C-alpha cells in the first residue's frame, strides 16, 4: 500500500519550470553571417600556470586543465589552542590564504630540512602529551561532576 501512495504522490506533485539560461562555458553557435552572436573576453586566472579560461572552453578542456593541478583530499577538522588559532587565523587572513594552505606550505618547507623537522617533531610530541593530560583531566571532571 505504501508503494501505491508514494507513486500517487510522485505523480501529483507539481514541479516549477525553470527557464533555460545561457552557459558561459559553452561557445555560442555561429550566426548566418559567420560571426558569433557574442564576443567573449577571456578571463585570466591568478594561478601559477596563468591559464586562460574563456567561454569557448569545452568540458574536456577544463578537465585537462584541472588535471594539471595536484589532487586534494579533505582532512579532518583541526583542533588548535585557542590563542594559537586566533593568531594563525589572523595571520592567514592578513595574507589572504587559508590555514590549510599555510599548513601545506609549512610542511613542504619543513620536510626539506631534517634539523627543523626534528625541532618541529619535538614540539609536536610535547603538545601531544599536554593534550592527552588535558583530555584525562576533562574526562575525570566529567565523571566526578555527573
Protein backbone atom coordinates (compact mmCIF):
# COMPACT_ATOMS: atom_id res chain seq x y z
CA UNK A 1 0.00 0.00 0.00
CA UNK A 2 2.82 2.42 0.79
CA UNK A 3 4.23 1.95 -2.73
CA UNK A 4 0.97 2.98 -4.36
CA UNK A 5 0.65 6.02 -2.07
CA UNK A 6 4.20 7.01 -2.87
CA UNK A 7 3.52 6.58 -6.60
CA UNK A 8 0.41 8.79 -6.35
CA UNK A 9 2.37 11.49 -4.51
CA UNK A 10 5.09 11.40 -7.15
CA UNK A 11 2.56 11.64 -9.97
CA UNK A 12 0.63 14.51 -8.39
CA UNK A 13 3.49 16.76 -7.43
CA UNK A 14 3.94 19.88 -9.48
CA UNK A 15 7.45 20.91 -10.23
CA UNK A 16 8.25 24.50 -11.04
CA UNK A 17 9.55 25.06 -14.54
CA UNK A 18 12.98 26.62 -14.59
CA UNK A 19 13.76 28.83 -17.58
CA UNK A 20 16.77 27.90 -19.70
CA UNK A 21 19.83 30.08 -19.25
CA UNK A 22 22.96 30.67 -21.24
CA UNK A 23 26.00 28.74 -20.12
CA UNK A 24 29.06 30.99 -20.41
CA UNK A 25 31.37 27.96 -20.68
CA UNK A 26 29.75 26.73 -23.89
CA UNK A 27 30.63 28.52 -27.12
CA UNK A 28 27.80 30.36 -28.87
CA UNK A 29 26.78 28.93 -32.26
CA UNK A 30 27.80 30.86 -35.38
CA UNK A 31 25.11 33.11 -36.87
CA UNK A 32 24.30 33.10 -40.60
CA UNK A 33 26.75 35.97 -41.27
CA UNK A 34 29.61 33.83 -39.96
CA UNK A 35 30.09 35.91 -36.82
CA UNK A 36 29.49 34.77 -33.29
CA UNK A 37 26.48 36.26 -31.60
CA UNK A 38 28.59 37.49 -28.68
CA UNK A 39 32.22 38.41 -28.21
CA UNK A 40 33.63 36.86 -25.07
CA UNK A 41 36.70 38.26 -23.34
CA UNK A 42 38.95 35.60 -21.79
CA UNK A 43 39.44 35.78 -18.04
CA UNK A 44 42.95 35.48 -16.66
CA UNK A 45 43.32 33.44 -13.51
CA UNK A 46 45.95 34.25 -10.91
CA UNK A 47 47.44 30.80 -10.51
CA UNK A 48 50.90 29.52 -11.17
CA UNK A 49 50.00 28.22 -14.62
CA UNK A 50 48.44 31.58 -15.62
CA UNK A 51 45.99 29.68 -17.80
CA UNK A 52 43.27 31.34 -19.82
CA UNK A 53 39.65 30.48 -19.16
CA UNK A 54 37.30 31.57 -21.90
CA UNK A 55 33.71 30.89 -22.79
CA UNK A 56 34.91 28.72 -25.68
CA UNK A 57 36.49 26.08 -23.46
CA UNK A 58 34.82 22.73 -23.59
CA UNK A 59 34.27 20.46 -20.62
CA UNK A 60 37.17 18.29 -21.78
CA UNK A 61 39.48 21.33 -21.99
CA UNK A 62 38.54 22.29 -18.44
CA UNK A 63 39.11 18.74 -17.18
CA UNK A 64 42.51 18.66 -18.88
CA UNK A 65 43.44 21.99 -17.27
CA UNK A 66 42.26 20.74 -13.85
CA UNK A 67 44.38 17.58 -14.20
CA UNK A 68 47.49 19.79 -14.18
CA UNK A 69 46.85 20.73 -10.53
CA UNK A 70 47.68 18.45 -7.59
CA UNK A 71 44.79 16.37 -6.30
CA UNK A 72 43.48 17.42 -2.88
CA UNK A 73 41.94 15.43 -0.06
CA UNK A 74 39.72 16.78 2.72
CA UNK A 75 41.23 16.08 6.12
CA UNK A 76 39.55 16.01 9.49
CA UNK A 77 38.83 19.21 11.41
CA UNK A 78 41.86 20.77 13.05
CA UNK A 79 41.82 21.45 16.79
CA UNK A 80 44.23 24.17 17.93
CA UNK A 81 44.99 26.05 21.12
CA UNK A 82 42.61 28.99 21.29
CA UNK A 83 45.25 31.75 21.27
CA UNK A 84 47.29 29.98 18.58
CA UNK A 85 44.15 29.52 16.47
CA UNK A 86 43.34 33.23 16.70
CA UNK A 87 46.90 34.24 15.80
CA UNK A 88 47.15 31.78 12.91
CA UNK A 89 43.73 32.70 11.55
CA UNK A 90 44.54 36.42 11.69
CA UNK A 91 47.93 35.85 10.02
CA UNK A 92 46.35 33.82 7.22
CA UNK A 93 43.56 36.35 6.68
CA UNK A 94 46.10 39.18 6.54
CA UNK A 95 48.00 37.28 3.83
CA UNK A 96 44.82 36.15 2.02
CA UNK A 97 45.41 32.41 2.36
CA UNK A 98 43.66 29.62 4.22
CA UNK A 99 45.03 27.88 7.29
CA UNK A 100 45.08 24.61 5.32
CA UNK A 101 47.19 26.10 2.54
CA UNK A 102 49.55 27.61 5.13
CA UNK A 103 49.95 24.19 6.76
CA UNK A 104 50.64 22.60 3.37
CA UNK A 105 53.34 25.16 2.61
CA UNK A 106 54.84 24.85 6.09
CA UNK A 107 55.01 21.05 5.69
CA UNK A 108 56.72 21.34 2.31
CA UNK A 109 59.35 23.71 3.72
CA UNK A 110 59.94 21.75 6.95
CA UNK A 111 60.21 18.44 5.08
CA UNK A 112 63.25 19.81 3.23
CA UNK A 113 65.23 20.50 6.43
CA UNK A 114 65.75 17.48 8.72
CA UNK A 115 67.05 19.59 11.62
CA UNK A 116 63.98 21.82 11.51
CA UNK A 117 61.79 18.74 11.11
CA UNK A 118 63.22 17.25 14.32
CA UNK A 119 62.61 20.52 16.21
CA UNK A 120 59.00 20.62 14.99
CA UNK A 121 58.55 16.94 15.87
CA UNK A 122 59.85 17.50 19.41
CA UNK A 123 57.45 20.44 19.86
CA UNK A 124 54.60 18.35 18.48
CA UNK A 125 55.32 15.50 20.91
CA UNK A 126 55.30 17.91 23.86
CA UNK A 127 51.99 19.40 22.70
CA UNK A 128 50.54 15.91 22.20
CA UNK A 129 51.42 14.90 25.76
CA UNK A 130 49.89 18.14 27.03
CA UNK A 131 46.67 17.48 25.09
CA UNK A 132 46.47 13.94 26.44
CA UNK A 133 46.85 15.22 30.02
CA UNK A 134 44.17 17.85 29.45
CA UNK A 135 41.85 15.21 27.99
CA UNK A 136 42.32 12.97 31.02
CA UNK A 137 41.52 15.89 33.32
CA UNK A 138 38.37 16.74 31.36
CA UNK A 139 37.25 13.11 31.45
CA UNK A 140 37.86 12.92 35.22
CA UNK A 141 35.97 16.18 35.81
CA UNK A 142 33.04 14.87 33.75
CA UNK A 143 32.96 11.60 35.70
CA UNK A 144 33.04 13.37 39.06
CA UNK A 145 30.54 16.03 38.01
CA UNK A 146 27.91 13.73 36.62
